[in-house]
């Protein structure tokens, strides 16, 4: 997808398109080959405001009018799924020179989109994404278990200052990539929420991508 313009240094980060790749099992729209050391979440700026979601690619929803992080957010450093006994470290990720969002290459690490809200922000959805698997990982990563979460399950997010924010799952969906409503997932002005995103469904060996996106939505519920 061509990019109408490059990111500018000062403007407001607005998500409308994110593509989470799966490394060797690439979760990409164009059947990308094995992931490089740092894979990317593709960012497609909208042609005109207000931003509109792009639904022609997998896990895609992140249009940037700007690349300036919000004021002094406390970044997340770990996500824990207590009911499943699963934890994954989280890196703050930004935008690569080619205009795409960076995602850790290893499926054992997740990326928090630092130009959007942080977990615990008073409004908007904090988005954390990870590969379901990757070429540099030993099999499936922790986010492969997102599909096993159920409504009411807790999610704990540890922040860099040592505090822990608890969220409660309100929805678990596995949706064909073109059908995902990314304008909802990446809402930056609505109620505070957390969205965990990875790939799912069936894997197309020829296209080297998964058919679906797994999106877990959760609401804040205090401290654990």
Protein backbone atom coordinates (compact mmCIF):
# COMPACT_ATOMS: atom_id res chain seq x y z
CA UNK A 1 0.00 0.00 0.00
CA UNK A 2 1.52 3.38 -0.96
CA UNK A 3 1.96 5.98 1.74
CA UNK A 4 0.39 9.39 0.92
CA UNK A 5 2.93 11.12 3.12
CA UNK A 6 5.65 10.39 5.63
CA UNK A 7 5.40 10.92 9.32
CA UNK A 8 6.05 14.44 10.56
CA UNK A 9 7.86 15.23 13.77
CA UNK A 10 5.03 16.96 15.59
CA UNK A 11 1.39 15.95 15.22
CA UNK A 12 -1.11 13.74 17.01
CA UNK A 13 -0.68 9.96 16.74
CA UNK A 14 -3.90 8.43 15.45
CA UNK A 15 -4.19 4.67 14.88
CA UNK A 16 -6.15 3.30 11.98
CA UNK A 17 -4.06 0.43 10.57
CA UNK A 18 -1.73 -2.22 12.12
CA UNK A 19 -0.44 -5.45 10.55
CA UNK A 20 1.07 -7.97 12.93
CA UNK A 21 3.42 -10.32 11.09
CA UNK A 22 4.25 -13.83 12.19
CA UNK A 23 7.93 -14.09 11.30
CA UNK A 24 8.57 -17.30 9.37
CA UNK A 25 4.81 -17.79 9.49
CA UNK A 26 4.32 -14.26 8.28
CA UNK A 27 0.99 -12.71 9.13
CA UNK A 28 1.07 -10.22 6.30
CA UNK A 29 -1.22 -9.10 3.53
CA UNK A 30 1.33 -9.58 0.77
CA UNK A 31 2.75 -12.91 1.90
CA UNK A 32 6.03 -11.49 3.14
CA UNK A 33 8.93 -13.94 3.58
CA UNK A 34 10.72 -14.68 6.82
CA UNK A 35 10.78 -11.70 9.14
CA UNK A 36 13.94 -9.60 9.49
CA UNK A 37 15.47 -9.01 12.95
CA UNK A 38 12.83 -6.35 13.59
CA UNK A 39 9.51 -6.89 11.87
CA UNK A 40 6.98 -4.17 11.42
CA UNK A 41 3.38 -3.29 11.93
CA UNK A 42 2.40 -1.39 8.84
CA UNK A 43 1.17 2.15 9.34
CA UNK A 44 -0.95 3.77 6.65
CA UNK A 45 -1.78 7.47 7.10
CA UNK A 46 -5.29 8.45 5.98
CA UNK A 47 -5.59 10.73 2.95
CA UNK A 48 -7.85 13.20 4.74
CA UNK A 49 -9.10 13.69 8.31
CA UNK A 50 -10.94 12.22 10.06
CA UNK A 51 -8.93 8.99 9.73
CA UNK A 52 -10.75 6.00 8.30
CA UNK A 53 -9.85 2.38 9.08
CA UNK A 54 -8.07 0.35 6.43
CA UNK A 55 -9.59 -3.10 6.17
CA UNK A 56 -7.80 -4.56 3.16
CA UNK A 57 -4.89 -5.98 5.15
CA UNK A 58 -4.48 -8.24 8.20
CA UNK A 59 -4.34 -6.81 11.74
CA UNK A 60 -4.14 -3.39 10.29
CA UNK A 61 -5.26 -0.23 11.97
CA UNK A 62 -2.76 2.50 12.65
CA UNK A 63 -2.78 5.75 10.73
CA UNK A 64 -0.40 8.37 12.03
CA UNK A 65 -0.90 12.05 11.59
CA UNK A 66 1.99 12.49 14.00
CA UNK A 67 4.68 10.58 15.81
CA UNK A 68 4.87 12.42 19.11
CA UNK A 69 4.15 10.26 22.16
CA UNK A 70 1.61 11.47 24.69
CA UNK A 71 2.93 13.41 27.65
CA UNK A 72 4.95 11.31 30.09
CA UNK A 73 3.19 7.96 29.82
CA UNK A 74 4.43 5.18 32.09
CA UNK A 75 5.21 2.38 29.64
CA UNK A 76 4.18 -1.22 30.24
CA UNK A 77 6.98 -3.75 30.69
CA UNK A 78 5.07 -7.01 31.11
CA UNK A 79 1.67 -8.54 30.40
CA UNK A 80 0.50 -11.45 32.55
CA UNK A 81 -2.47 -13.72 31.97
CA UNK A 82 -2.90 -15.12 35.51
CA UNK A 83 -5.50 -17.71 34.61
CA UNK A 84 -3.24 -19.24 31.96
CA UNK A 85 0.05 -18.86 33.80
CA UNK A 86 1.46 -16.83 30.92
CA UNK A 87 3.65 -13.72 30.97
CA UNK A 88 5.36 -11.81 28.18
CA UNK A 89 7.78 -8.87 28.39
CA UNK A 90 6.71 -5.72 26.57
CA UNK A 91 8.84 -3.25 24.63
CA UNK A 92 7.77 0.27 23.72
CA UNK A 93 7.71 0.36 19.94
CA UNK A 94 7.47 3.23 17.53
CA UNK A 95 7.59 3.85 13.81
CA UNK A 96 10.36 2.64 11.52
CA UNK A 97 11.93 4.91 8.87
CA UNK A 98 9.78 3.24 6.22
CA UNK A 99 6.63 4.42 7.98
CA UNK A 100 5.70 1.14 9.61
CA UNK A 101 5.28 0.31 13.28
CA UNK A 102 8.02 -1.78 14.81
CA UNK A 103 7.17 -5.08 16.52
CA UNK A 104 9.73 -7.25 18.34
CA UNK A 105 10.95 -10.02 16.03
CA UNK A 106 10.66 -12.67 18.71
CA UNK A 107 7.23 -14.07 19.56
CA UNK A 108 8.47 -14.14 23.15
CA UNK A 109 8.20 -10.34 23.33
CA UNK A 110 5.29 -7.99 22.71
CA UNK A 111 5.22 -4.40 21.52
CA UNK A 112 3.22 -1.55 23.02
CA UNK A 113 2.39 1.16 20.49
CA UNK A 114 3.89 4.13 22.31
CA UNK A 115 2.19 6.77 20.16
CA UNK A 116 -1.18 5.66 21.51
CA UNK A 117 -2.49 5.54 25.08
CA UNK A 118 -0.61 3.63 27.76
CA UNK A 119 -2.36 1.04 29.93
CA UNK A 120 -4.04 2.99 32.71
CA UNK A 121 -4.48 6.17 30.67
CA UNK A 122 -7.73 8.04 31.43
CA UNK A 123 -9.04 7.54 27.91
CA UNK A 124 -8.42 5.56 24.78
CA UNK A 125 -7.25 2.05 24.03
CA UNK A 126 -3.73 0.86 24.81
CA UNK A 127 -2.68 -1.58 22.10
CA UNK A 128 -0.14 -4.34 22.70
CA UNK A 129 0.67 -6.73 19.85
CA UNK A 130 2.94 -9.72 19.35
CA UNK A 131 3.65 -12.38 16.79
CA UNK A 132 1.87 -15.67 17.27
CA UNK A 133 5.15 -17.29 16.19
CA UNK A 134 8.34 -16.21 14.43
CA UNK A 135 11.52 -17.42 12.76
CA UNK A 136 13.60 -16.53 15.82
CA UNK A 137 11.28 -18.16 18.35
CA UNK A 138 11.08 -21.72 19.62
CA UNK A 139 7.58 -22.45 18.40
CA UNK A 140 4.48 -20.50 19.37
CA UNK A 141 4.78 -17.39 21.52
CA UNK A 142 2.74 -16.52 24.62
CA UNK A 143 0.15 -14.57 22.62
CA UNK A 144 -0.84 -17.81 20.89
CA UNK A 145 -2.87 -18.41 24.06
CA UNK A 146 -4.95 -15.26 23.70
CA UNK A 147 -7.66 -17.35 22.06
CA UNK A 148 -7.96 -19.35 25.31
CA UNK A 149 -9.01 -16.31 27.33
CA UNK A 150 -12.66 -15.91 28.31
CA UNK A 151 -14.85 -12.99 29.27
CA UNK A 152 -14.20 -12.16 32.92
CA UNK A 153 -10.60 -13.37 32.94
CA UNK A 154 -8.01 -11.00 34.46
CA UNK A 155 -5.07 -9.45 32.63
CA UNK A 156 -2.30 -7.79 34.64
CA UNK A 157 -0.05 -5.16 33.09
CA UNK A 158 3.11 -4.23 34.97
CA UNK A 159 4.31 -0.69 34.32
CA UNK A 160 7.87 0.58 34.36
CA UNK A 161 7.36 2.21 37.77
CA UNK A 162 6.51 -1.18 39.29
CA UNK A 163 2.78 -0.59 39.57
CA UNK A 164 0.37 -3.19 38.21
CA UNK A 165 -2.85 -2.37 36.39
CA UNK A 166 -5.50 -5.07 36.26
CA UNK A 167 -7.91 -5.38 33.36
CA UNK A 168 -10.88 -7.70 32.93
CA UNK A 169 -11.57 -9.33 29.57
CA UNK A 170 -14.79 -8.12 27.98
CA UNK A 171 -14.44 -9.69 24.54
CA UNK A 172 -12.35 -12.28 22.72
CA UNK A 173 -12.73 -12.35 18.96
CA UNK A 174 -11.10 -14.19 16.08
CA UNK A 175 -12.10 -12.36 12.94
CA UNK A 176 -11.14 -12.67 9.30
CA UNK A 177 -8.64 -9.89 8.74
CA UNK A 178 -10.68 -7.81 6.27
CA UNK A 179 -13.63 -7.80 8.68
CA UNK A 180 -11.89 -6.40 11.77
CA UNK A 181 -13.18 -2.96 12.78
CA UNK A 182 -9.88 -1.29 13.62
CA UNK A 183 -11.52 2.07 14.26
CA UNK A 184 -12.96 0.48 17.40
CA UNK A 185 -9.80 -1.37 18.42
CA UNK A 186 -7.66 1.74 18.10
CA UNK A 187 -10.03 4.31 19.55
CA UNK A 188 -7.89 6.95 21.24
CA UNK A 189 -10.65 9.12 22.67
CA UNK A 190 -13.12 6.61 24.08
CA UNK A 191 -13.23 4.88 27.47
CA UNK A 192 -9.95 3.44 28.77
CA UNK A 193 -9.35 -0.06 27.47
CA UNK A 194 -6.64 -2.56 26.67
CA UNK A 195 -6.39 -4.44 23.37
CA UNK A 196 -4.11 -7.45 22.90
CA UNK A 197 -3.61 -8.43 19.27
CA UNK A 198 -2.05 -11.35 17.42
CA UNK A 199 -2.73 -13.58 14.42
CA UNK A 200 -4.94 -16.65 14.40
CA UNK A 201 -7.18 -18.86 12.33
CA UNK A 202 -5.70 -21.09 9.65
CA UNK A 203 -2.24 -20.64 8.17
CA UNK A 204 -1.92 -20.37 4.40
CA UNK A 205 1.38 -22.03 3.47
CA UNK A 206 1.45 -20.44 0.03
CA UNK A 207 0.61 -16.90 1.13
CA UNK A 208 2.66 -17.31 4.34
CA UNK A 209 0.02 -15.70 6.50
CA UNK A 210 -2.78 -16.44 8.92
CA UNK A 211 -6.42 -15.95 7.99
CA UNK A 212 -7.63 -14.19 11.13
CA UNK A 213 -6.72 -11.75 13.84
CA UNK A 214 -7.30 -12.55 17.49
CA UNK A 215 -8.24 -9.42 19.42
CA UNK A 216 -8.76 -9.44 23.18
CA UNK A 217 -10.47 -6.37 24.61
CA UNK A 218 -10.36 -5.62 28.34
CA UNK A 219 -11.47 -2.87 30.70
CA UNK A 220 -9.62 -1.56 33.77
CA UNK A 221 -10.65 -3.14 37.06
CA UNK A 222 -8.24 -1.68 39.61
CA UNK A 223 -5.23 -3.44 41.12
CA UNK A 224 -4.70 -7.21 41.45
